[in-house]
PDB file of N, CA and C in Angstrom:
ATOM      1  N   MET A   1       0.296  -1.001  -0.331  1.00  0.00           N
ATOM      2  CA  MET A   1      -0.393   0.035  -0.777  1.00  0.00           C
ATOM      3  C   MET A   1       1.263   0.187  -0.067  1.00  0.00           C
ATOM      4  N   ARG A   2       0.332   2.088  -0.993  1.00  0.00           N
ATOM      5  CA  ARG A   2       1.568   3.597  -0.538  1.00  0.00           C
ATOM      6  C   ARG A   2       0.948   4.300   0.656  1.00  0.00           C
ATOM      7  N   LYS A   3       1.844   4.964   0.197  1.00  0.00           N
ATOM      8  CA  LYS A   3       2.226   5.647   2.126  1.00  0.00           C
ATOM      9  C   LYS A   3       0.839   6.984   1.187  1.00  0.00           C
ATOM     10  N   PRO A   4       0.135   7.306   2.073  1.00  0.00           N
ATOM     11  CA  PRO A   4      -0.653   8.914   1.426  1.00  0.00           C
ATOM     12  C   PRO A   4       0.428  10.314   1.802  1.00  0.00           C
ATOM     13  N   ALA A   5      -0.245  10.717   0.761  1.00  0.00           N
ATOM     14  CA  ALA A   5       0.580  12.040   0.672  1.00  0.00           C
ATOM     15  C   ALA A   5       0.290  13.294   1.678  1.00  0.00           C
ATOM     16  N   ALA A   6      -0.299  13.615   2.223  1.00  0.00           N
ATOM     17  CA  ALA A   6      -0.772  14.117   3.470  1.00  0.00           C
ATOM     18  C   ALA A   6      -2.000  13.496   3.788  1.00  0.00           C
ATOM     19  N   LYS A   7      -2.611  14.484   5.335  1.00  0.00           N
ATOM     20  CA  LYS A   7      -3.294  13.474   6.190  1.00  0.00           C
ATOM     21  C   LYS A   7      -4.484  14.827   6.494  1.00  0.00           C
ATOM     22  N   CYS A   8      -5.831  14.917   5.997  1.00  0.00           N
ATOM     23  CA  CYS A   8      -6.274  16.115   6.803  1.00  0.00           C
ATOM     24  C   CYS A   8      -5.837  16.802   7.554  1.00  0.00           C
ATOM     25  N   ALA A   9      -5.840  18.148   8.168  1.00  0.00           N
ATOM     26  CA  ALA A   9      -5.908  18.806   9.026  1.00  0.00           C
ATOM     27  C   ALA A   9      -7.091  18.796  10.350  1.00  0.00           C
ATOM     28  N   ASN A  10      -8.355  18.141   9.851  1.00  0.00           N
ATOM     29  CA  ASN A  10      -9.742  19.148  10.476  1.00  0.00           C
ATOM     30  C   ASN A  10      -9.864  17.520  11.125  1.00  0.00           C
ATOM     31  N   CYS A  11      -9.755  16.611   9.864  1.00  0.00           N
ATOM     32  CA  CYS A  11     -10.140  15.066  10.395  1.00  0.00           C
ATOM     33  C   CYS A  11      -8.801  13.676  10.787  1.00  0.00           C
ATOM     34  N   GLY A  12      -8.181  14.104   9.525  1.00  0.00           N
ATOM     35  CA  GLY A  12      -6.907  14.100   9.728  1.00  0.00           C
ATOM     36  C   GLY A  12      -7.425  12.364   8.999  1.00  0.00           C
ATOM     37  N   ALA A  13      -7.610  12.424   7.611  1.00  0.00           N
ATOM     38  CA  ALA A  13      -7.674  11.584   6.214  1.00  0.00           C
ATOM     39  C   ALA A  13      -6.814  11.043   5.581  1.00  0.00           C
ATOM     40  N   SER A  14      -7.036  10.303   5.307  1.00  0.00           N
ATOM     41  CA  SER A  14      -5.258   9.793   3.929  1.00  0.00           C
ATOM     42  C   SER A  14      -5.508  11.158   3.237  1.00  0.00           C
ATOM     43  N   LEU A  15      -4.629  11.585   2.558  1.00  0.00           N
ATOM     44  CA  LEU A  15      -4.926  11.977   1.092  1.00  0.00           C
ATOM     45  C   LEU A  15      -4.387  12.040   0.904  1.00  0.00           C
ATOM     46  N   SER A  16      -4.088  11.586  -1.405  1.00  0.00           N
ATOM     47  CA  SER A  16      -3.782  10.441  -2.095  1.00  0.00           C
ATOM     48  C   SER A  16      -3.323  12.352  -3.164  1.00  0.00           C
ATOM     49  N   TYR A  17      -2.134  11.926  -4.076  1.00  0.00           N
ATOM     50  CA  TYR A  17      -1.525  12.843  -4.121  1.00  0.00           C
ATOM     51  C   TYR A  17      -2.307  13.591  -5.496  1.00  0.00           C
ATOM     52  N   GLU A  18      -3.316  12.761  -6.423  1.00  0.00           N
ATOM     53  CA  GLU A  18      -4.485  13.331  -7.162  1.00  0.00           C
ATOM     54  C   GLU A  18      -4.759  14.539  -5.995  1.00  0.00           C
ATOM     55  N   GLU A  19      -5.636  14.358  -5.583  1.00  0.00           N
ATOM     56  CA  GLU A  19      -6.411  15.043  -4.946  1.00  0.00           C
ATOM     57  C   GLU A  19      -6.474  15.503  -3.974  1.00  0.00           C
ATOM     58  N   LEU A  20      -4.321  16.389  -4.465  1.00  0.00           N
ATOM     59  CA  LEU A  20      -3.966  17.928  -3.649  1.00  0.00           C
ATOM     60  C   LEU A  20      -3.618  18.643  -4.040  1.00  0.00           C
ATOM     61  N   ARG A  21      -3.777  19.781  -4.351  1.00  0.00           N
ATOM     62  CA  ARG A  21      -2.943  20.844  -5.337  1.00  0.00           C
ATOM     63  C   ARG A  21      -2.228  21.929  -4.623  1.00  0.00           C
ATOM     64  N   ALA A  22      -1.469  22.691  -5.270  1.00  0.00           N
ATOM     65  CA  ALA A  22      -0.825  23.260  -4.525  1.00  0.00           C
ATOM     66  C   ALA A  22      -1.032  24.827  -4.579  1.00  0.00           C
ATOM     67  N   ALA A  23      -2.324  25.379  -5.395  1.00  0.00           N
ATOM     68  CA  ALA A  23      -3.037  25.712  -4.877  1.00  0.00           C
ATOM     69  C   ALA A  23      -4.510  26.580  -5.102  1.00  0.00           C
ATOM     70  N   GLY A  24      -4.488  27.236  -4.283  1.00  0.00           N
ATOM     71  CA  GLY A  24      -5.922  27.245  -3.940  1.00  0.00           C
ATOM     72  C   GLY A  24      -6.401  26.368  -3.067  1.00  0.00           C
ATOM     73  N   PRO A  25      -8.509  26.456  -2.826  1.00  0.00           N
ATOM     74  CA  PRO A  25      -8.530  25.493  -1.930  1.00  0.00           C
ATOM     75  C   PRO A  25      -9.484  24.246  -2.724  1.00  0.00           C
ATOM     76  N   PHE A  26      -9.620  23.019  -1.430  1.00  0.00           N
ATOM     77  CA  PHE A  26      -9.165  21.778  -2.185  1.00  0.00           C
ATOM     78  C   PHE A  26     -10.355  20.817  -1.364  1.00  0.00           C
ATOM     79  N   PRO A  27     -11.389  20.054  -1.346  1.00  0.00           N
ATOM     80  CA  PRO A  27     -12.148  19.316   0.057  1.00  0.00           C
ATOM     81  C   PRO A  27     -11.661  18.209   0.073  1.00  0.00           C
ATOM     82  N   CYS A  28     -12.336  17.961   1.376  1.00  0.00           N
ATOM     83  CA  CYS A  28     -11.039  17.249   1.878  1.00  0.00           C
ATOM     84  C   CYS A  28     -12.125  15.423   2.110  1.00  0.00           C
ATOM     85  N   PRO A  29     -11.785  14.338   1.536  1.00  0.00           N
ATOM     86  CA  PRO A  29     -12.768  12.917   0.751  1.00  0.00           C
ATOM     87  C   PRO A  29     -13.456  12.468   2.150  1.00  0.00           C
ATOM     88  N   GLY A  30     -12.936  13.437   2.858  1.00  0.00           N
ATOM     89  CA  GLY A  30     -13.852  12.476   4.704  1.00  0.00           C
ATOM     90  C   GLY A  30     -14.492  13.794   5.193  1.00  0.00           C
ATOM     91  N   CYS A  31     -14.156  14.739   4.924  1.00  0.00           N
ATOM     92  CA  CYS A  31     -15.051  15.352   6.125  1.00  0.00           C
ATOM     93  C   CYS A  31     -15.580  16.364   5.617  1.00  0.00           C
ATOM     94  N   LYS A  32     -14.828  17.277   3.884  1.00  0.00           N
ATOM     95  CA  LYS A  32     -15.521  18.283   3.426  1.00  0.00           C
ATOM     96  C   LYS A  32     -14.678  19.447   3.473  1.00  0.00           C
ATOM     97  N   THR A  33     -14.159  19.237   4.739  1.00  0.00           N
ATOM     98  CA  THR A  33     -13.965  20.771   5.094  1.00  0.00           C
ATOM     99  C   THR A  33     -12.806  21.473   3.982  1.00  0.00           C
ATOM    100  N   LEU A  34     -13.180  22.725   3.906  1.00  0.00           N
ATOM    101  CA  LEU A  34     -11.692  23.327   2.450  1.00  0.00           C
ATOM    102  C   LEU A  34     -10.347  22.728   2.976  1.00  0.00           C
ATOM    103  N   LEU A  35      -9.422  22.659   2.549  1.00  0.00           N
ATOM    104  CA  LEU A  35      -7.603  22.300   2.858  1.00  0.00           C
ATOM    105  C   LEU A  35      -7.137  23.205   1.587  1.00  0.00           C
ATOM    106  N   VAL A  36      -5.998  23.776   2.228  1.00  0.00           N
ATOM    107  CA  VAL A  36      -4.897  23.928   0.865  1.00  0.00           C
ATOM    108  C   VAL A  36      -3.660  23.882   1.572  1.00  0.00           C
ATOM    109  N   ALA A  37      -2.585  24.208   0.700  1.00  0.00           N
ATOM    110  CA  ALA A  37      -1.241  24.035   0.629  1.00  0.00           C
ATOM    111  C   ALA A  37      -1.120  24.962   1.356  1.00  0.00           C
ATOM    112  N   THR A  38       0.846  25.018   2.307  1.00  0.00           N
ATOM    113  CA  THR A  38       1.084  26.560   2.859  1.00  0.00           C
ATOM    114  C   THR A  38       1.181  27.145   1.929  1.00  0.00           C
ATOM    115  N   GLU A  39       1.213  28.261   2.657  1.00  0.00           N
ATOM    116  CA  GLU A  39       0.839  30.232   1.862  1.00  0.00           C
ATOM    117  C   GLU A  39       1.843  30.459   0.826  1.00  0.00           C
ATOM    118  N   TYR A  40       2.921  29.418   1.075  1.00  0.00           N
ATOM    119  CA  TYR A  40       4.676  29.447  -0.454  1.00  0.00           C
ATOM    120  C   TYR A  40       4.518  28.425  -0.277  1.00  0.00           C
ATOM    121  N   TYR A  41       4.009  27.228  -0.495  1.00  0.00           N
ATOM    122  CA  TYR A  41       4.451  26.729  -1.726  1.00  0.00           C
ATOM    123  C   TYR A  41       3.996  26.533  -2.940  1.00  0.00           C
ATOM    124  N   PRO A  42       3.325  27.642  -4.082  1.00  0.00           N
ATOM    125  CA  PRO A  42       3.267  27.446  -5.127  1.00  0.00           C
ATOM    126  C   PRO A  42       4.924  28.421  -6.031  1.00  0.00           C
ATOM    127  N   LEU A  43       4.646  29.156  -4.453  1.00  0.00           N
ATOM    128  CA  LEU A  43       5.995  29.737  -5.234  1.00  0.00           C
ATOM    129  C   LEU A  43       7.249  29.651  -4.817  1.00  0.00           C
ATOM    130  N   VAL A  44       7.346  28.409  -4.204  1.00  0.00           N
ATOM    131  CA  VAL A  44       9.109  27.487  -3.570  1.00  0.00           C
ATOM    132  C   VAL A  44       8.501  26.843  -4.856  1.00  0.00           C
ATOM    133  N   THR A  45       7.818  26.182  -5.210  1.00  0.00           N
ATOM    134  CA  THR A  45       7.753  24.813  -5.874  1.00  0.00           C
ATOM    135  C   THR A  45       7.802  25.690  -7.559  1.00  0.00           C
ATOM    136  N   LEU A  46       7.377  27.024  -8.175  1.00  0.00           N
ATOM    137  CA  LEU A  46       7.645  27.415  -9.011  1.00  0.00           C
ATOM    138  C   LEU A  46       9.063  28.448  -9.269  1.00  0.00           C
ATOM    139  N   LEU A  47      10.245  28.561  -9.018  1.00  0.00           N
ATOM    140  CA  LEU A  47      11.110  29.056  -8.641  1.00  0.00           C
ATOM    141  C   LEU A  47      11.929  28.086  -8.264  1.00  0.00           C
ATOM    142  N   ALA A  48      11.718  26.334  -7.601  1.00  0.00           N
ATOM    143  CA  ALA A  48      12.354  25.828  -8.536  1.00  0.00           C
ATOM    144  C   ALA A  48      12.173  25.437  -8.718  1.00  0.00           C
ATOM    145  N   SER A  49      11.797  24.997  -9.878  1.00  0.00           N
ATOM    146  CA  SER A  49      11.373  24.532 -11.101  1.00  0.00           C
ATOM    147  C   SER A  49      12.051  25.327 -12.361  1.00  0.00           C
ATOM    148  N   LEU A  50      11.483  26.243 -12.149  1.00  0.00           N
ATOM    149  CA  LEU A  50      12.295  27.911 -12.931  1.00  0.00           C
ATOM    150  C   LEU A  50      13.861  27.144 -13.092  1.00  0.00           C
ATOM    151  N   LEU A  51      14.959  27.894 -11.584  1.00  0.00           N
ATOM    152  CA  LEU A  51      15.597  27.325 -11.607  1.00  0.00           C
ATOM    153  C   LEU A  51      16.469  25.754 -12.188  1.00  0.00           C
ATOM    154  N   LEU A  52      15.532  24.528 -11.602  1.00  0.00           N
ATOM    155  CA  LEU A  52      15.666  23.840 -12.066  1.00  0.00           C
ATOM    156  C   LEU A  52      15.531  23.438 -14.023  1.00  0.00           C
ATOM    157  N   ALA A  53      15.075  24.867 -14.992  1.00  0.00           N
ATOM    158  CA  ALA A  53      14.896  24.812 -16.166  1.00  0.00           C
ATOM    159  C   ALA A  53      16.013  25.160 -16.902  1.00  0.00           C
ATOM    160  N   ALA A  54      16.474  26.034 -15.516  1.00  0.00           N
ATOM    161  CA  ALA A  54      17.761  27.695 -16.104  1.00  0.00           C
ATOM    162  C   ALA A  54      19.495  26.619 -15.896  1.00  0.00           C
ATOM    163  N   VAL A  55      19.496  25.753 -14.936  1.00  0.00           N
ATOM    164  CA  VAL A  55      19.894  24.716 -15.299  1.00  0.00           C
ATOM    165  C   VAL A  55      20.395  23.939 -15.817  1.00  0.00           C
ATOM    166  N   ILE A  56      19.322  23.768 -17.119  1.00  0.00           N
ATOM    167  CA  ILE A  56      19.463  22.579 -17.887  1.00  0.00           C
ATOM    168  C   ILE A  56      19.282  23.534 -19.285  1.00  0.00           C
ATOM    169  N   PHE A  57      19.033  25.028 -19.789  1.00  0.00           N
ATOM    170  CA  PHE A  57      19.050  25.228 -21.041  1.00  0.00           C
ATOM    171  C   PHE A  57      21.050  25.741 -20.755  1.00  0.00           C
ATOM    172  N   ALA A  58      21.117  26.531 -18.968  1.00  0.00           N
ATOM    173  CA  ALA A  58      22.711  26.747 -19.502  1.00  0.00           C
ATOM    174  C   ALA A  58      23.168  25.260 -19.784  1.00  0.00           C
ATOM    175  N   ALA A  59      22.963  24.287 -18.982  1.00  0.00           N
ATOM    176  CA  ALA A  59      23.821  23.540 -19.862  1.00  0.00           C
ATOM    177  C   ALA A  59      23.801  23.168 -20.955  1.00  0.00           C
ATOM    178  N   PHE A  60      23.009  23.652 -22.130  1.00  0.00           N
ATOM    179  CA  PHE A  60      22.620  22.996 -23.103  1.00  0.00           C
ATOM    180  C   PHE A  60      23.359  23.896 -24.415  1.00  0.00           C
ATOM    181  N   GLY A  61      24.351  25.223 -22.799  1.00  0.00           N
ATOM    182  CA  GLY A  61      25.243  26.541 -23.832  1.00  0.00           C
ATOM    183  C   GLY A  61      23.838  27.732 -24.016  1.00  0.00           C
ATOM    184  N   PHE A  62      23.288  27.772 -23.361  1.00  0.00           N
ATOM    185  CA  PHE A  62      22.566  28.933 -23.428  1.00  0.00           C
ATOM    186  C   PHE A  62      22.964  29.677 -22.119  1.00  0.00           C
ATOM    187  N   ARG A  63      23.407  31.579 -22.124  1.00  0.00           N
ATOM    188  CA  ARG A  63      24.446  31.765 -21.753  1.00  0.00           C
ATOM    189  C   ARG A  63      23.018  34.051 -21.709  1.00  0.00           C
ATOM    190  N   GLY A  64      23.017  34.246 -20.707  1.00  0.00           N
ATOM    191  CA  GLY A  64      22.855  36.097 -20.980  1.00  0.00           C
ATOM    192  C   GLY A  64      21.770  35.999 -21.407  1.00  0.00           C
ATOM    193  N   SER A  65      21.020  36.617 -22.422  1.00  0.00           N
ATOM    194  CA  SER A  65      19.622  37.023 -23.499  1.00  0.00           C
ATOM    195  C   SER A  65      18.907  35.931 -23.582  1.00  0.00           C
ATOM    196  N   ARG A  66      19.990  35.136 -23.995  1.00  0.00           N
ATOM    197  CA  ARG A  66      19.349  33.563 -24.423  1.00  0.00           C
ATOM    198  C   ARG A  66      18.668  33.366 -23.594  1.00  0.00           C
ATOM    199  N   LEU A  67      19.465  32.976 -22.246  1.00  0.00           N
ATOM    200  CA  LEU A  67      19.381  31.930 -21.268  1.00  0.00           C
ATOM    201  C   LEU A  67      17.758  32.433 -21.223  1.00  0.00           C
ATOM    202  N   VAL A  68      17.170  34.020 -20.373  1.00  0.00           N
ATOM    203  CA  VAL A  68      15.725  34.518 -20.373  1.00  0.00           C
ATOM    204  C   VAL A  68      14.969  34.100 -21.221  1.00  0.00           C
ATOM    205  N   GLU A  69      15.172  33.775 -22.650  1.00  0.00           N
ATOM    206  CA  GLU A  69      14.645  33.911 -23.871  1.00  0.00           C
ATOM    207  C   GLU A  69      13.838  32.883 -23.846  1.00  0.00           C
ATOM    208  N   ALA A  70      15.475  31.759 -23.452  1.00  0.00           N
ATOM    209  CA  ALA A  70      14.482  30.186 -23.431  1.00  0.00           C
ATOM    210  C   ALA A  70      13.587  29.905 -21.932  1.00  0.00           C
ATOM    211  N   LEU A  71      14.259  30.666 -21.543  1.00  0.00           N
ATOM    212  CA  LEU A  71      13.647  30.745 -19.784  1.00  0.00           C
ATOM    213  C   LEU A  71      11.862  31.210 -19.869  1.00  0.00           C
ATOM    214  N   LEU A  72      11.196  31.721 -20.491  1.00  0.00           N
ATOM    215  CA  LEU A  72      10.167  32.750 -21.191  1.00  0.00           C
ATOM    216  C   LEU A  72       9.791  32.076 -22.280  1.00  0.00           C
ATOM    217  N   PHE A  73      10.365  31.205 -22.803  1.00  0.00           N
ATOM    218  CA  PHE A  73       9.188  30.556 -23.658  1.00  0.00           C
ATOM    219  C   PHE A  73       8.960  29.038 -22.811  1.00  0.00           C
ATOM    220  N   ALA A  74       9.443  28.524 -22.024  1.00  0.00           N
ATOM    221  CA  ALA A  74       9.167  27.500 -21.308  1.00  0.00           C
ATOM    222  C   ALA A  74       8.725  27.283 -20.113  1.00  0.00           C
ATOM    223  N   LEU A  75       8.038  29.348 -19.725  1.00  0.00           N
ATOM    224  CA  LEU A  75       7.242  29.554 -18.804  1.00  0.00           C
ATOM    225  C   LEU A  75       6.481  28.845 -18.319  1.00  0.00           C
ATOM    226  N   LEU A  76       4.977  28.326 -19.773  1.00  0.00           N
ATOM    227  CA  LEU A  76       4.224  27.911 -19.554  1.00  0.00           C
ATOM    228  C   LEU A  76       4.511  25.769 -18.818  1.00  0.00           C
ATOM    229  N   PRO A  77       5.551  25.613 -19.818  1.00  0.00           N
ATOM    230  CA  PRO A  77       5.054  24.036 -19.832  1.00  0.00           C
ATOM    231  C   PRO A  77       6.011  24.500 -18.094  1.00  0.00           C
ATOM    232  N   VAL A  78       6.520  25.210 -17.711  1.00  0.00           N
ATOM    233  CA  VAL A  78       6.875  25.287 -16.282  1.00  0.00           C
ATOM    234  C   VAL A  78       6.249  25.095 -15.058  1.00  0.00           C
ATOM    235  N   ILE A  79       5.428  26.047 -15.565  1.00  0.00           N
ATOM    236  CA  ILE A  79       3.942  26.400 -14.338  1.00  0.00           C
ATOM    237  C   ILE A  79       3.559  25.065 -14.289  1.00  0.00           C
ATOM    238  N   TYR A  80       3.131  25.457 -15.476  1.00  0.00           N
ATOM    239  CA  TYR A  80       2.130  23.264 -15.889  1.00  0.00           C
ATOM    240  C   TYR A  80       2.249  22.303 -14.640  1.00  0.00           C
ATOM    241  N   LEU A  81       4.241  21.835 -15.242  1.00  0.00           N
ATOM    242  CA  LEU A  81       4.925  20.499 -14.394  1.00  0.00           C
ATOM    243  C   LEU A  81       5.282  20.778 -12.426  1.00  0.00           C
ATOM    244  N   SER A  82       5.129  22.702 -12.605  1.00  0.00           N
ATOM    245  CA  SER A  82       5.334  21.851 -10.991  1.00  0.00           C
ATOM    246  C   SER A  82       4.253  22.332 -10.702  1.00  0.00           C
ATOM    247  N   ALA A  83       2.541  22.517 -11.432  1.00  0.00           N
ATOM    248  CA  ALA A  83       1.516  22.729  -9.861  1.00  0.00           C
ATOM    249  C   ALA A  83       1.092  21.230 -10.462  1.00  0.00           C
ATOM    250  N   ASN A  84       1.244  20.627 -11.009  1.00  0.00           N
ATOM    251  CA  ASN A  84       0.938  18.599 -10.958  1.00  0.00           C
ATOM    252  C   ASN A  84       1.687  18.104 -10.547  1.00  0.00           C
ATOM    253  N   PHE A  85       3.172  18.153 -11.083  1.00  0.00           N
ATOM    254  CA  PHE A  85       3.953  17.160 -10.868  1.00  0.00           C
ATOM    255  C   PHE A  85       5.775  16.934  -9.620  1.00  0.00           C
ATOM    256  N   PHE A  86       5.345  18.241  -9.313  1.00  0.00           N
ATOM    257  CA  PHE A  86       5.963  18.545  -7.991  1.00  0.00           C
ATOM    258  C   PHE A  86       5.685  18.378  -6.596  1.00  0.00           C
ATOM    259  N   LYS A  87       4.072  18.241  -6.493  1.00  0.00           N
ATOM    260  CA  LYS A  87       3.924  17.364  -5.382  1.00  0.00           C
ATOM    261  C   LYS A  87       4.476  15.724  -5.201  1.00  0.00           C
ATOM    262  N   TYR A  88       4.742  15.285  -6.048  1.00  0.00           N
ATOM    263  CA  TYR A  88       5.275  13.726  -5.820  1.00  0.00           C
ATOM    264  C   TYR A  88       6.103  13.851  -5.241  1.00  0.00           C
ATOM    265  N   LEU A  89       6.865  14.642  -6.075  1.00  0.00           N
ATOM    266  CA  LEU A  89       8.533  15.352  -5.340  1.00  0.00           C
ATOM    267  C   LEU A  89       8.311  15.322  -3.456  1.00  0.00           C
ATOM    268  N   VAL A  90       8.226  16.600  -3.514  1.00  0.00           N
ATOM    269  CA  VAL A  90       7.838  17.064  -2.150  1.00  0.00           C
ATOM    270  C   VAL A  90       6.421  17.815  -2.073  1.00  0.00           C
ATOM    271  N   PRO A  91       6.036  16.579  -0.615  1.00  0.00           N
ATOM    272  CA  PRO A  91       4.369  16.558  -1.242  1.00  0.00           C
ATOM    273  C   PRO A  91       4.783  17.966  -0.143  1.00  0.00           C
ATOM    274  N   PRO A  92       3.093  18.999   0.099  1.00  0.00           N
ATOM    275  CA  PRO A  92       2.969  19.864   0.376  1.00  0.00           C
ATOM    276  C   PRO A  92       1.887  20.212   2.293  1.00  0.00           C
ATOM    277  N   LYS A  93       2.425  20.763   2.861  1.00  0.00           N
ATOM    278  CA  LYS A  93       2.054  20.654   3.802  1.00  0.00           C
ATOM    279  C   LYS A  93       0.946  21.129   4.175  1.00  0.00           C
ATOM    280  N   ILE A  94      -0.393  20.901   4.470  1.00  0.00           N
ATOM    281  CA  ILE A  94      -2.125  20.853   4.557  1.00  0.00           C
ATOM    282  C   ILE A  94      -2.042  21.259   6.007  1.00  0.00           C
ATOM    283  N   GLU A  95      -2.970  22.592   5.641  1.00  0.00           N
ATOM    284  CA  GLU A  95      -4.126  23.027   6.749  1.00  0.00           C
ATOM    285  C   GLU A  95      -5.449  23.096   6.439  1.00  0.00           C
ATOM    286  N   PRO A  96      -6.350  24.161   7.297  1.00  0.00           N
ATOM    287  CA  PRO A  96      -7.475  24.261   6.994  1.00  0.00           C
ATOM    288  C   PRO A  96      -7.079  25.446   6.014  1.00  0.00           C
ATOM    289  N   TYR A  97      -8.240  25.633   5.137  1.00  0.00           N
ATOM    290  CA  TYR A  97      -8.364  26.647   4.224  1.00  0.00           C
ATOM    291  C   TYR A  97      -9.718  28.529   5.471  1.00  0.00           C
ATOM    292  N   ASP A  98      -8.593  29.580   5.376  1.00  0.00           N
ATOM    293  CA  ASP A  98      -9.257  30.724   6.257  1.00  0.00           C
ATOM    294  C   ASP A  98      -9.789  31.177   5.670  1.00  0.00           C
ATOM    295  N   THR A  99     -11.027  30.989   5.975  1.00  0.00           N
ATOM    296  CA  THR A  99     -12.646  32.028   4.480  1.00  0.00           C
ATOM    297  C   THR A  99     -12.884  32.727   5.381  1.00  0.00           C
ATOM    298  N   THR A 100     -11.978  33.680   6.015  1.00  0.00           N
ATOM    299  CA  THR A 100     -13.052  34.605   6.744  1.00  0.00           C
ATOM    300  C   THR A 100     -11.901  35.628   6.470  1.00  0.00           C
ATOM    301  N   LEU A 101     -12.603  36.668   5.938  1.00  0.00           N
ATOM    302  CA  LEU A 101     -11.303  38.571   5.405  1.00  0.00           C
ATOM    303  C   LEU A 101     -11.136  39.382   6.844  1.00  0.00           C
ATOM    304  N   HIS A 102      -9.012  39.499   6.210  1.00  0.00           N
ATOM    305  CA  HIS A 102      -8.791  40.563   7.322  1.00  0.00           C
ATOM    306  C   HIS A 102      -8.696  41.238   6.590  1.00  0.00           C
ATOM    307  N   LEU A 103      -9.241  42.210   6.859  1.00  0.00           N
ATOM    308  CA  LEU A 103      -9.639  43.291   6.038  1.00  0.00           C
ATOM    309  C   LEU A 103      -8.824  44.275   7.169  1.00  0.00           C
ATOM    310  N   ARG A 104      -9.313  44.655   8.265  1.00  0.00           N
ATOM    311  CA  ARG A 104      -8.238  45.639   8.691  1.00  0.00           C
ATOM    312  C   ARG A 104      -6.783  45.150   9.684  1.00  0.00           C
ATOM    313  N   ASP A 105      -5.948  44.201   8.228  1.00  0.00           N
ATOM    314  CA  ASP A 105      -4.793  43.283   8.701  1.00  0.00           C
ATOM    315  C   ASP A 105      -3.460  44.847   8.374  1.00  0.00           C
TER     316      ASP A 105
END
């Protein structure tokens, strides 16, 4: 049996990798509580993916403005891959989704 990717912060139900979302709230399959990955997880996954893409392009000989152009060209595939597949390498920490508005903070 596979190890669960995470557990619900409310009821402790196991969450599979397919149920996790890197950004935005998603419901727990057990208690239907809205859950969300920690605040900085989407940013960290995107930056790590862009850094990996930059290293790969640099290994192929891209330098300077050509490296920036290659990264801009690869931006959409990198965003897709980081949003959908990075969670298998580093699962996010899950917390309850805060639905209250903090307008005076």
